[in-house]
Amino acid sequence: MTDARPNIIFIITDQQRFDTISALGYPHMDTPHLDRLVEEGVSFSQCHITAPSCAPSRASLFTGQYPHTTGILKNADEWT
């Protein structure tokens, strides 16, 4: 019996602006590996996050809760 579930790799880049991937229409960037991921996988044109800073946003992503619930409100806050 084979497993019908898809293989999913979720990649989060840090300090990655929307206009810094060549395959998404910004040829001034040299991003061969990200370009291949875009061409052979799925990319999203809309992204909505719970916080503008990376640590609170990641804590929300990993827990499914808002920053005021996780207690991670800024990048310097420690969390496990």
N, C-alpha and C. Protein backbone atom coordinates (compact mmCIF):
# COMPACT_ATOMS: atom_id res chain seq x y z
N MET A 1 0.85 -1.18 0.00
CA MET A 1 0.00 0.00 0.00
C MET A 1 0.89 1.24 0.00
N THR A 2 0.63 2.14 -0.92
CA THR A 2 1.43 3.36 -1.00
C THR A 2 0.73 4.50 -0.27
N ASP A 3 1.53 5.42 0.19
CA ASP A 3 1.01 6.58 0.90
C ASP A 3 0.63 7.64 -0.13
N ALA A 4 -0.62 8.05 -0.18
CA ALA A 4 -1.10 9.01 -1.17
C ALA A 4 -0.88 10.46 -0.74
N ARG A 5 -0.37 10.67 0.46
CA ARG A 5 -0.15 12.04 0.92
C ARG A 5 1.02 12.67 0.16
N PRO A 6 0.93 13.96 -0.16
CA PRO A 6 2.03 14.61 -0.87
C PRO A 6 3.21 14.88 0.06
N ASN A 7 4.38 14.94 -0.52
CA ASN A 7 5.56 15.37 0.23
C ASN A 7 5.59 16.89 0.21
N ILE A 8 5.66 17.50 1.37
CA ILE A 8 5.66 18.95 1.46
C ILE A 8 6.91 19.41 2.19
N ILE A 9 7.62 20.34 1.57
CA ILE A 9 8.75 21.00 2.21
C ILE A 9 8.38 22.46 2.33
N PHE A 10 8.33 22.95 3.54
CA PHE A 10 7.96 24.33 3.80
C PHE A 10 9.23 25.11 4.08
N ILE A 11 9.56 26.05 3.22
CA ILE A 11 10.79 26.82 3.35
C ILE A 11 10.46 28.26 3.74
N ILE A 12 11.07 28.71 4.82
CA ILE A 12 10.90 30.08 5.26
C ILE A 12 12.26 30.78 5.13
N THR A 13 12.28 31.83 4.35
CA THR A 13 13.53 32.59 4.24
C THR A 13 13.43 33.83 5.11
N ASP A 14 14.56 34.29 5.58
CA ASP A 14 14.60 35.47 6.44
C ASP A 14 15.01 36.67 5.59
N GLN A 15 14.39 37.79 5.82
CA GLN A 15 14.69 39.02 5.09
C GLN A 15 14.46 38.86 3.58
N GLN A 16 13.42 38.13 3.21
CA GLN A 16 13.13 37.88 1.80
C GLN A 16 11.97 38.74 1.36
N ARG A 17 12.26 39.77 0.58
CA ARG A 17 11.20 40.62 0.04
C ARG A 17 10.55 39.96 -1.16
N PHE A 18 9.35 40.39 -1.49
CA PHE A 18 8.60 39.81 -2.61
C PHE A 18 9.31 40.01 -3.94
N ASP A 19 10.10 41.04 -4.06
CA ASP A 19 10.73 41.37 -5.34
C ASP A 19 12.19 40.93 -5.43
N THR A 20 12.53 39.84 -4.75
CA THR A 20 13.92 39.38 -4.77
C THR A 20 14.06 37.96 -5.31
N ILE A 21 13.15 37.56 -6.18
CA ILE A 21 13.26 36.25 -6.83
C ILE A 21 13.09 36.45 -8.33
N SER A 22 14.10 36.08 -9.07
CA SER A 22 14.12 36.29 -10.51
C SER A 22 12.94 35.64 -11.21
N ALA A 23 12.58 34.41 -10.84
CA ALA A 23 11.50 33.68 -11.52
C ALA A 23 10.13 34.32 -11.30
N LEU A 24 10.02 35.21 -10.36
CA LEU A 24 8.75 35.88 -10.12
C LEU A 24 8.67 37.23 -10.84
N GLY A 25 9.62 37.46 -11.76
CA GLY A 25 9.55 38.66 -12.58
C GLY A 25 10.53 39.76 -12.22
N TYR A 26 11.57 39.44 -11.47
CA TYR A 26 12.55 40.45 -11.07
C TYR A 26 13.94 40.01 -11.54
N PRO A 27 14.24 40.20 -12.83
CA PRO A 27 15.46 39.67 -13.43
C PRO A 27 16.76 40.30 -12.91
N HIS A 28 16.67 41.36 -12.14
CA HIS A 28 17.88 41.98 -11.59
C HIS A 28 18.48 41.14 -10.47
N MET A 29 17.77 40.11 -10.04
CA MET A 29 18.26 39.22 -8.99
C MET A 29 18.78 37.93 -9.60
N ASP A 30 19.80 37.35 -9.00
CA ASP A 30 20.35 36.06 -9.43
C ASP A 30 20.01 35.04 -8.35
N THR A 31 18.92 34.31 -8.55
CA THR A 31 18.42 33.37 -7.54
C THR A 31 18.12 32.01 -8.17
N PRO A 32 19.14 31.30 -8.66
CA PRO A 32 18.87 30.06 -9.40
C PRO A 32 18.16 28.98 -8.60
N HIS A 33 18.45 28.83 -7.34
CA HIS A 33 17.83 27.77 -6.54
C HIS A 33 16.37 28.11 -6.22
N LEU A 34 16.12 29.36 -5.84
CA LEU A 34 14.75 29.78 -5.60
C LEU A 34 13.94 29.76 -6.89
N ASP A 35 14.58 30.11 -8.01
CA ASP A 35 13.90 30.07 -9.30
C ASP A 35 13.44 28.65 -9.62
N ARG A 36 14.29 27.69 -9.35
CA ARG A 36 13.91 26.29 -9.62
C ARG A 36 12.75 25.86 -8.72
N LEU A 37 12.78 26.27 -7.45
CA LEU A 37 11.67 25.95 -6.56
C LEU A 37 10.36 26.56 -7.07
N VAL A 38 10.43 27.78 -7.56
CA VAL A 38 9.23 28.44 -8.11
C VAL A 38 8.74 27.70 -9.35
N GLU A 39 9.66 27.34 -10.23
CA GLU A 39 9.29 26.70 -11.49
C GLU A 39 8.76 25.28 -11.31
N GLU A 40 9.29 24.54 -10.34
CA GLU A 40 8.91 23.14 -10.17
C GLU A 40 7.95 22.90 -9.01
N GLY A 41 7.67 23.94 -8.24
CA GLY A 41 6.82 23.76 -7.07
C GLY A 41 5.67 24.74 -7.09
N VAL A 42 5.36 25.27 -5.93
CA VAL A 42 4.26 26.20 -5.76
C VAL A 42 4.79 27.47 -5.12
N SER A 43 4.36 28.59 -5.61
CA SER A 43 4.69 29.86 -4.97
C SER A 43 3.39 30.62 -4.75
N PHE A 44 3.37 31.47 -3.76
CA PHE A 44 2.17 32.20 -3.40
C PHE A 44 2.36 33.68 -3.69
N SER A 45 1.36 34.30 -4.27
CA SER A 45 1.46 35.72 -4.60
C SER A 45 0.84 36.60 -3.51
N GLN A 46 0.17 36.01 -2.55
CA GLN A 46 -0.40 36.75 -1.42
C GLN A 46 0.08 36.11 -0.13
N CYS A 47 0.53 36.93 0.79
CA CYS A 47 0.98 36.42 2.07
C CYS A 47 0.51 37.39 3.15
N HIS A 48 -0.08 36.84 4.17
CA HIS A 48 -0.54 37.65 5.28
C HIS A 48 0.04 37.07 6.56
N ILE A 49 0.64 37.91 7.36
CA ILE A 49 1.31 37.46 8.58
C ILE A 49 0.70 38.14 9.80
N THR A 50 0.99 37.59 10.96
CA THR A 50 0.42 38.14 12.19
C THR A 50 1.27 39.25 12.79
N ALA A 51 2.54 39.36 12.36
CA ALA A 51 3.43 40.38 12.92
C ALA A 51 4.49 40.74 11.89
N PRO A 52 4.95 41.99 11.86
CA PRO A 52 5.96 42.39 10.89
C PRO A 52 7.37 41.92 11.24
N SER A 53 7.62 41.53 12.48
CA SER A 53 8.94 41.04 12.89
C SER A 53 8.98 39.52 12.77
N CYS A 54 10.17 38.99 12.50
CA CYS A 54 10.26 37.56 12.20
C CYS A 54 9.97 36.64 13.38
N ALA A 55 10.47 36.92 14.57
CA ALA A 55 10.25 36.01 15.71
C ALA A 55 8.77 35.91 16.10
N PRO A 56 8.05 37.02 16.26
CA PRO A 56 6.63 36.89 16.57
C PRO A 56 5.85 36.20 15.45
N SER A 57 6.21 36.48 14.21
CA SER A 57 5.53 35.85 13.09
C SER A 57 5.78 34.34 13.06
N ARG A 58 7.01 33.92 13.30
CA ARG A 58 7.33 32.49 13.34
C ARG A 58 6.64 31.79 14.51
N ALA A 59 6.63 32.44 15.66
CA ALA A 59 5.96 31.85 16.82
C ALA A 59 4.48 31.63 16.51
N SER A 60 3.87 32.58 15.83
CA SER A 60 2.47 32.42 15.42
C SER A 60 2.30 31.28 14.44
N LEU A 61 3.20 31.20 13.47
CA LEU A 61 3.13 30.14 12.48
C LEU A 61 3.27 28.77 13.12
N PHE A 62 4.20 28.63 14.04
CA PHE A 62 4.46 27.33 14.66
C PHE A 62 3.40 26.92 15.67
N THR A 63 2.75 27.89 16.32
CA THR A 63 1.77 27.56 17.35
C THR A 63 0.32 27.71 16.89
N GLY A 64 0.09 28.49 15.84
CA GLY A 64 -1.27 28.76 15.40
C GLY A 64 -1.96 29.82 16.25
N GLN A 65 -1.18 30.57 17.02
CA GLN A 65 -1.74 31.60 17.90
C GLN A 65 -1.18 32.97 17.54
N TYR A 66 -1.89 34.00 17.93
CA TYR A 66 -1.44 35.37 17.69
C TYR A 66 -0.29 35.73 18.64
N PRO A 67 0.53 36.73 18.27
CA PRO A 67 1.65 37.12 19.12
C PRO A 67 1.24 37.48 20.55
N HIS A 68 0.11 38.16 20.73
CA HIS A 68 -0.28 38.53 22.10
C HIS A 68 -0.62 37.29 22.93
N THR A 69 -0.90 36.17 22.27
CA THR A 69 -1.17 34.93 22.99
C THR A 69 0.11 34.15 23.25
N THR A 70 1.03 34.16 22.29
CA THR A 70 2.30 33.44 22.47
C THR A 70 3.23 34.16 23.42
N GLY A 71 3.06 35.48 23.57
CA GLY A 71 3.95 36.27 24.42
C GLY A 71 5.22 36.69 23.69
N ILE A 72 5.35 36.33 22.43
CA ILE A 72 6.51 36.74 21.63
C ILE A 72 6.09 37.97 20.85
N LEU A 73 6.51 39.12 21.32
CA LEU A 73 6.07 40.39 20.73
C LEU A 73 7.17 41.11 19.96
N LYS A 74 8.42 40.69 20.16
CA LYS A 74 9.53 41.30 19.43
C LYS A 74 10.62 40.25 19.22
N ASN A 75 11.56 40.55 18.35
CA ASN A 75 12.59 39.57 18.01
C ASN A 75 13.45 39.15 19.18
N ALA A 76 13.64 39.98 20.17
CA ALA A 76 14.51 39.66 21.30
C ALA A 76 13.83 38.77 22.33
N ASP A 77 12.53 38.54 22.23
CA ASP A 77 11.84 37.70 23.20
C ASP A 77 12.26 36.24 23.01
N GLU A 78 12.56 35.57 24.12
CA GLU A 78 12.96 34.16 24.06
C GLU A 78 11.74 33.26 24.07
N TRP A 79 11.82 32.18 23.30
CA TRP A 79 10.74 31.21 23.27
C TRP A 79 11.30 29.85 22.91
N THR A 80 10.58 28.83 23.29
CA THR A 80 11.01 27.47 22.99
C THR A 80 9.94 26.75 22.21
